[in-house]
């Protein structure tokens, strides 16, 4: 699975993604991103060019993996609370948008599995 293929699948299935400026604003408010330290949110707020460099992939992938795992658990075991469901959907959109915008945020295999889950569970309106 290549990143180019996944980006085409994202564009086909998710019509309104966040751009880099919107990502910056959303990261500030997102509780899941905040819980995993300030390193990754700081890079996203700064729109740091390192997020596009392959050599930085290993460092950032682990943090992004943990955020995806936590979100996936919320998708698989949804809370009946409407606010929690909304936060899960917002985080899902943010994760997909970040992957779409930044080349070296995580490995394609991780995003492939996450996209499968999101589409299967109909987490976002597509």
N, C-alpha and C. Protein backbone atom coordinates (compact mmCIF):
# COMPACT_ATOMS: atom_id res chain seq x y z
N UNK A 1 0.85 -1.17 0.00
CA UNK A 1 0.00 0.00 0.00
C UNK A 1 0.90 1.24 0.00
N UNK A 2 0.71 2.09 -0.97
CA UNK A 2 1.55 3.28 -1.05
C UNK A 2 0.79 4.50 -0.55
N UNK A 3 1.55 5.49 -0.18
CA UNK A 3 0.96 6.74 0.29
C UNK A 3 0.12 7.40 -0.81
N UNK A 4 0.59 7.35 -2.05
CA UNK A 4 -0.16 7.95 -3.15
C UNK A 4 -1.53 7.31 -3.31
N UNK A 5 -1.58 5.99 -3.21
CA UNK A 5 -2.86 5.29 -3.31
C UNK A 5 -3.79 5.72 -2.17
N UNK A 6 -3.26 5.78 -0.96
CA UNK A 6 -4.09 6.16 0.18
C UNK A 6 -4.59 7.59 0.05
N UNK A 7 -3.75 8.48 -0.45
CA UNK A 7 -4.20 9.87 -0.64
C UNK A 7 -5.34 9.94 -1.65
N UNK A 8 -5.28 9.12 -2.69
CA UNK A 8 -6.39 9.08 -3.66
C UNK A 8 -7.65 8.55 -2.99
N UNK A 9 -7.51 7.51 -2.18
CA UNK A 9 -8.66 6.96 -1.47
C UNK A 9 -9.24 7.98 -0.49
N UNK A 10 -8.38 8.73 0.16
CA UNK A 10 -8.84 9.76 1.09
C UNK A 10 -9.62 10.83 0.33
N UNK A 11 -9.07 11.30 -0.76
CA UNK A 11 -9.74 12.35 -1.54
C UNK A 11 -11.09 11.87 -2.08
N UNK A 12 -11.18 10.59 -2.42
CA UNK A 12 -12.42 10.05 -2.95
C UNK A 12 -13.49 9.89 -1.87
N UNK A 13 -13.08 9.49 -0.68
CA UNK A 13 -14.03 9.17 0.38
C UNK A 13 -14.30 10.28 1.38
N UNK A 14 -13.41 11.22 1.48
CA UNK A 14 -13.57 12.30 2.46
C UNK A 14 -13.48 13.63 1.73
N UNK A 15 -14.60 14.23 1.48
CA UNK A 15 -14.66 15.39 0.60
C UNK A 15 -14.23 16.70 1.23
N UNK A 16 -14.24 16.81 2.53
CA UNK A 16 -13.92 18.09 3.16
C UNK A 16 -12.86 17.90 4.24
N UNK A 17 -11.61 17.85 3.82
CA UNK A 17 -10.51 17.68 4.76
C UNK A 17 -10.02 19.04 5.24
N UNK A 18 -9.28 19.01 6.33
CA UNK A 18 -8.72 20.23 6.89
C UNK A 18 -7.41 20.56 6.17
N UNK A 19 -7.16 21.86 5.96
CA UNK A 19 -5.87 22.26 5.41
C UNK A 19 -4.90 22.49 6.58
N UNK A 20 -3.69 22.87 6.28
CA UNK A 20 -2.67 23.01 7.33
C UNK A 20 -3.04 24.06 8.38
N UNK A 21 -3.63 25.16 7.97
CA UNK A 21 -4.03 26.18 8.94
C UNK A 21 -5.16 25.68 9.84
N UNK A 22 -6.10 24.95 9.27
CA UNK A 22 -7.20 24.40 10.06
C UNK A 22 -6.69 23.31 11.00
N UNK A 23 -5.73 22.53 10.54
CA UNK A 23 -5.11 21.52 11.41
C UNK A 23 -4.47 22.19 12.61
N UNK A 24 -3.74 23.27 12.35
CA UNK A 24 -3.10 24.01 13.44
C UNK A 24 -4.11 24.44 14.48
N UNK A 25 -5.25 24.96 14.04
CA UNK A 25 -6.29 25.43 14.97
C UNK A 25 -6.92 24.25 15.71
N UNK A 26 -7.16 23.15 15.04
CA UNK A 26 -7.82 22.00 15.66
C UNK A 26 -6.92 21.28 16.67
N UNK A 27 -5.64 21.22 16.40
CA UNK A 27 -4.71 20.56 17.32
C UNK A 27 -4.72 21.27 18.67
N UNK A 28 -4.87 22.57 18.66
CA UNK A 28 -4.91 23.36 19.89
C UNK A 28 -6.05 22.90 20.81
N UNK A 29 -7.18 22.50 20.21
CA UNK A 29 -8.38 22.18 20.98
C UNK A 29 -8.58 20.69 21.22
N UNK A 30 -7.83 19.85 20.54
CA UNK A 30 -8.09 18.41 20.59
C UNK A 30 -7.46 17.76 21.82
N UNK A 31 -8.31 17.14 22.63
CA UNK A 31 -7.86 16.55 23.89
C UNK A 31 -6.94 15.36 23.69
N UNK A 32 -7.20 14.52 22.71
CA UNK A 32 -6.36 13.33 22.50
C UNK A 32 -4.95 13.74 22.09
N UNK A 33 -4.83 14.70 21.20
CA UNK A 33 -3.51 15.16 20.79
C UNK A 33 -2.77 15.78 21.98
N UNK A 34 -3.48 16.51 22.82
CA UNK A 34 -2.85 17.14 23.99
C UNK A 34 -2.32 16.11 24.98
N UNK A 35 -3.03 14.98 25.10
CA UNK A 35 -2.65 13.97 26.08
C UNK A 35 -1.34 13.27 25.74
N UNK A 36 -0.90 13.37 24.50
CA UNK A 36 0.33 12.69 24.12
C UNK A 36 1.51 13.65 24.04
N UNK A 37 1.51 14.60 24.93
CA UNK A 37 2.64 15.50 25.04
C UNK A 37 2.54 16.69 24.11
N UNK A 38 3.54 17.51 24.18
CA UNK A 38 3.52 18.75 23.40
C UNK A 38 4.36 18.66 22.13
N UNK A 39 5.14 17.60 21.98
CA UNK A 39 6.06 17.50 20.85
C UNK A 39 5.34 17.50 19.50
N UNK A 40 4.46 16.53 19.29
CA UNK A 40 3.75 16.44 18.00
C UNK A 40 2.80 17.63 17.79
N UNK A 41 1.99 18.00 18.79
CA UNK A 41 1.15 19.19 18.58
C UNK A 41 1.95 20.45 18.26
N UNK A 42 3.13 20.58 18.87
CA UNK A 42 3.96 21.75 18.57
C UNK A 42 4.44 21.74 17.12
N UNK A 43 4.85 20.56 16.64
CA UNK A 43 5.27 20.45 15.24
C UNK A 43 4.12 20.79 14.30
N UNK A 44 2.93 20.32 14.62
CA UNK A 44 1.76 20.60 13.77
C UNK A 44 1.36 22.07 13.83
N UNK A 45 1.42 22.66 15.00
CA UNK A 45 1.09 24.09 15.13
C UNK A 45 2.06 24.94 14.33
N UNK A 46 3.33 24.55 14.33
CA UNK A 46 4.36 25.31 13.60
C UNK A 46 4.36 24.98 12.11
N UNK A 47 3.59 23.97 11.70
CA UNK A 47 3.62 23.46 10.33
C UNK A 47 5.07 23.15 9.94
N UNK A 48 5.74 22.47 10.84
CA UNK A 48 7.16 22.19 10.73
C UNK A 48 7.48 21.35 9.50
N UNK A 49 8.45 21.77 8.70
CA UNK A 49 8.83 21.01 7.50
C UNK A 49 9.36 19.61 7.80
N UNK A 50 9.77 19.34 9.05
CA UNK A 50 10.25 18.01 9.41
C UNK A 50 9.16 16.96 9.24
N UNK A 51 7.89 17.39 9.30
CA UNK A 51 6.78 16.45 9.15
C UNK A 51 6.66 15.91 7.72
N UNK A 52 7.44 16.47 6.81
CA UNK A 52 7.46 15.99 5.43
C UNK A 52 8.74 15.24 5.09
N UNK A 53 9.66 15.12 6.05
CA UNK A 53 10.96 14.50 5.80
C UNK A 53 10.96 13.04 6.26
N UNK A 54 11.33 12.15 5.37
CA UNK A 54 11.34 10.71 5.65
C UNK A 54 12.22 10.36 6.86
N UNK A 55 13.32 11.05 7.05
CA UNK A 55 14.22 10.71 8.14
C UNK A 55 13.60 10.97 9.51
N UNK A 56 12.57 11.77 9.57
CA UNK A 56 11.89 12.09 10.82
C UNK A 56 10.72 11.15 11.10
N UNK A 57 10.39 10.32 10.13
CA UNK A 57 9.22 9.46 10.18
C UNK A 57 9.19 8.56 11.42
N UNK A 58 10.28 7.93 11.74
CA UNK A 58 10.31 7.02 12.88
C UNK A 58 9.95 7.68 14.19
N UNK A 59 10.39 8.88 14.40
CA UNK A 59 10.12 9.60 15.64
C UNK A 59 8.65 9.99 15.75
N UNK A 60 8.11 10.53 14.70
CA UNK A 60 6.75 11.04 14.73
C UNK A 60 5.73 9.91 14.64
N UNK A 61 6.08 8.84 13.91
CA UNK A 61 5.16 7.74 13.71
C UNK A 61 4.69 7.16 15.04
N UNK A 62 5.57 6.97 15.99
CA UNK A 62 5.19 6.36 17.27
C UNK A 62 4.13 7.19 17.99
N UNK A 63 4.31 8.50 18.02
CA UNK A 63 3.32 9.35 18.68
C UNK A 63 1.99 9.32 17.94
N UNK A 64 2.05 9.39 16.63
CA UNK A 64 0.84 9.38 15.82
C UNK A 64 0.14 8.02 15.95
N UNK A 65 0.93 6.95 16.04
CA UNK A 65 0.39 5.61 16.23
C UNK A 65 -0.46 5.55 17.51
N UNK A 66 0.05 6.10 18.59
CA UNK A 66 -0.67 6.08 19.86
C UNK A 66 -1.98 6.86 19.77
N UNK A 67 -1.95 7.98 19.09
CA UNK A 67 -3.17 8.78 18.91
C UNK A 67 -4.19 7.99 18.08
N UNK A 68 -3.73 7.34 17.03
CA UNK A 68 -4.62 6.54 16.19
C UNK A 68 -5.18 5.37 16.99
N UNK A 69 -4.35 4.70 17.77
CA UNK A 69 -4.82 3.58 18.59
C UNK A 69 -5.93 4.01 19.54
N UNK A 70 -5.70 5.10 20.20
CA UNK A 70 -6.70 5.60 21.17
C UNK A 70 -8.00 5.95 20.45
N UNK A 71 -7.90 6.57 19.30
CA UNK A 71 -9.09 6.93 18.53
C UNK A 71 -9.79 5.68 18.01
N UNK A 72 -9.03 4.70 17.56
CA UNK A 72 -9.61 3.45 17.07
C UNK A 72 -10.41 2.74 18.17
N UNK A 73 -9.90 2.75 19.37
CA UNK A 73 -10.62 2.15 20.50
C UNK A 73 -11.95 2.87 20.72
N UNK A 74 -11.94 4.17 20.61
CA UNK A 74 -13.18 4.95 20.76
C UNK A 74 -14.17 4.67 19.62
N UNK A 75 -13.65 4.37 18.44
CA UNK A 75 -14.53 4.04 17.31
C UNK A 75 -15.14 2.65 17.52
N UNK A 76 -14.33 1.70 17.95
CA UNK A 76 -14.79 0.32 18.14
C UNK A 76 -15.76 0.22 19.32
N UNK A 77 -15.47 0.96 20.37
CA UNK A 77 -16.30 0.95 21.59
C UNK A 77 -16.83 2.35 21.85
N UNK A 78 -17.82 2.78 21.08
CA UNK A 78 -18.30 4.17 21.22
C UNK A 78 -19.03 4.41 22.53
N UNK A 79 -18.88 5.59 23.01
CA UNK A 79 -19.59 6.03 24.20
C UNK A 79 -20.99 6.50 23.79
N UNK A 80 -21.97 6.28 24.62
CA UNK A 80 -23.31 6.76 24.27
C UNK A 80 -23.44 8.29 24.40
N UNK A 81 -22.44 8.90 24.99
CA UNK A 81 -22.44 10.35 25.17
C UNK A 81 -22.24 11.06 23.83
N UNK A 82 -23.19 11.90 23.41
CA UNK A 82 -23.07 12.60 22.11
C UNK A 82 -21.81 13.47 22.01
N UNK A 83 -21.40 14.08 23.10
CA UNK A 83 -20.20 14.91 23.08
C UNK A 83 -18.96 14.06 22.79
N UNK A 84 -18.89 12.89 23.41
CA UNK A 84 -17.77 12.00 23.17
C UNK A 84 -17.76 11.51 21.72
N UNK A 85 -18.92 11.22 21.17
CA UNK A 85 -19.01 10.78 19.78
C UNK A 85 -18.55 11.89 18.84
N UNK A 86 -18.91 13.12 19.17
CA UNK A 86 -18.48 14.26 18.36
C UNK A 86 -16.97 14.45 18.43
N UNK A 87 -16.40 14.31 19.61
CA UNK A 87 -14.96 14.43 19.77
C UNK A 87 -14.23 13.34 18.99
N UNK A 88 -14.77 12.14 18.98
CA UNK A 88 -14.17 11.04 18.22
C UNK A 88 -14.20 11.35 16.73
N UNK A 89 -15.31 11.85 16.25
CA UNK A 89 -15.42 12.21 14.82
C UNK A 89 -14.45 13.34 14.48
N UNK A 90 -14.35 14.34 15.36
CA UNK A 90 -13.43 15.46 15.11
C UNK A 90 -11.98 14.97 15.08
N UNK A 91 -11.63 14.09 16.01
CA UNK A 91 -10.26 13.56 16.05
C UNK A 91 -9.98 12.71 14.81
N UNK A 92 -10.96 11.94 14.37
CA UNK A 92 -10.81 11.12 13.17
C UNK A 92 -10.54 12.00 11.95
N UNK A 93 -11.32 13.05 11.80
CA UNK A 93 -11.12 13.98 10.68
C UNK A 93 -9.74 14.63 10.77
N UNK A 94 -9.32 14.98 11.96
CA UNK A 94 -8.01 15.60 12.16
C UNK A 94 -6.89 14.62 11.78
N UNK A 95 -6.99 13.37 12.21
CA UNK A 95 -5.97 12.37 11.89
C UNK A 95 -5.84 12.18 10.38
N UNK A 96 -6.97 12.02 9.71
CA UNK A 96 -6.95 11.81 8.26
C UNK A 96 -6.41 13.04 7.54
N UNK A 97 -6.77 14.21 8.01
CA UNK A 97 -6.29 15.45 7.40
C UNK A 97 -4.79 15.61 7.59
N UNK A 98 -4.29 15.28 8.78
CA UNK A 98 -2.85 15.36 9.04
C UNK A 98 -2.10 14.42 8.11
N UNK A 99 -2.59 13.20 7.97
CA UNK A 99 -1.94 12.25 7.07
C UNK A 99 -1.94 12.77 5.63
N UNK A 100 -3.03 13.36 5.24
CA UNK A 100 -3.15 13.88 3.88
C UNK A 100 -2.19 15.05 3.62
N UNK A 101 -1.93 15.85 4.63
CA UNK A 101 -1.10 17.05 4.47
C UNK A 101 0.39 16.82 4.67
N UNK A 102 0.75 15.89 5.55
CA UNK A 102 2.16 15.72 5.91
C UNK A 102 2.67 14.35 5.47
N UNK A 103 3.69 14.35 4.64
CA UNK A 103 4.19 13.13 4.01
C UNK A 103 4.80 12.13 4.99
N UNK A 104 5.40 12.58 6.05
CA UNK A 104 6.14 11.67 6.92
C UNK A 104 5.54 11.59 8.33
N UNK A 105 4.23 11.62 8.41
CA UNK A 105 3.60 11.57 9.73
C UNK A 105 3.46 10.13 10.24
N UNK A 106 3.22 9.19 9.33
CA UNK A 106 3.17 7.78 9.73
C UNK A 106 3.30 6.88 8.50
N UNK A 107 3.50 5.61 8.76
CA UNK A 107 3.65 4.64 7.69
C UNK A 107 2.29 4.36 7.04
N UNK A 108 2.27 4.13 5.74
CA UNK A 108 1.00 3.88 5.04
C UNK A 108 0.20 2.70 5.60
N UNK A 109 0.88 1.67 6.08
CA UNK A 109 0.16 0.50 6.60
C UNK A 109 -0.72 0.85 7.79
N UNK A 110 -0.25 1.74 8.64
CA UNK A 110 -1.04 2.18 9.79
C UNK A 110 -2.28 2.95 9.31
N UNK A 111 -2.10 3.86 8.39
CA UNK A 111 -3.22 4.64 7.91
C UNK A 111 -4.21 3.76 7.14
N UNK A 112 -3.71 2.78 6.42
CA UNK A 112 -4.58 1.86 5.69
C UNK A 112 -5.57 1.18 6.65
N UNK A 113 -5.06 0.64 7.74
CA UNK A 113 -5.92 -0.03 8.72
C UNK A 113 -6.90 0.95 9.36
N UNK A 114 -6.44 2.15 9.65
CA UNK A 114 -7.31 3.15 10.27
C UNK A 114 -8.43 3.55 9.30
N UNK A 115 -8.09 3.77 8.04
CA UNK A 115 -9.11 4.13 7.05
C UNK A 115 -10.13 3.01 6.88
N UNK A 116 -9.67 1.78 6.90
CA UNK A 116 -10.60 0.65 6.82
C UNK A 116 -11.61 0.70 7.97
N UNK A 117 -11.13 0.94 9.16
CA UNK A 117 -11.99 1.02 10.34
C UNK A 117 -12.98 2.18 10.23
N UNK A 118 -12.49 3.34 9.86
CA UNK A 118 -13.34 4.53 9.76
C UNK A 118 -14.45 4.32 8.73
N UNK A 119 -14.10 3.75 7.59
CA UNK A 119 -15.10 3.52 6.55
C UNK A 119 -16.08 2.41 6.95
N UNK A 120 -15.58 1.37 7.58
CA UNK A 120 -16.44 0.26 8.00
C UNK A 120 -17.44 0.71 9.07
N UNK A 121 -16.96 1.47 10.03
CA UNK A 121 -17.81 1.91 11.13
C UNK A 121 -18.60 3.18 10.81
N UNK A 122 -18.35 3.74 9.65
CA UNK A 122 -19.03 4.98 9.22
C UNK A 122 -18.90 6.07 10.30
N UNK A 123 -17.66 6.25 10.73
CA UNK A 123 -17.37 7.23 11.77
C UNK A 123 -17.61 8.65 11.29
N UNK A 124 -17.26 8.90 10.02
CA UNK A 124 -17.49 10.22 9.42
C UNK A 124 -18.55 10.07 8.34
N UNK A 125 -19.26 11.13 8.09
CA UNK A 125 -20.23 11.11 7.00
C UNK A 125 -19.48 11.25 5.70
N UNK A 126 -19.51 10.20 4.89
CA UNK A 126 -18.77 10.19 3.63
C UNK A 126 -19.72 10.02 2.45
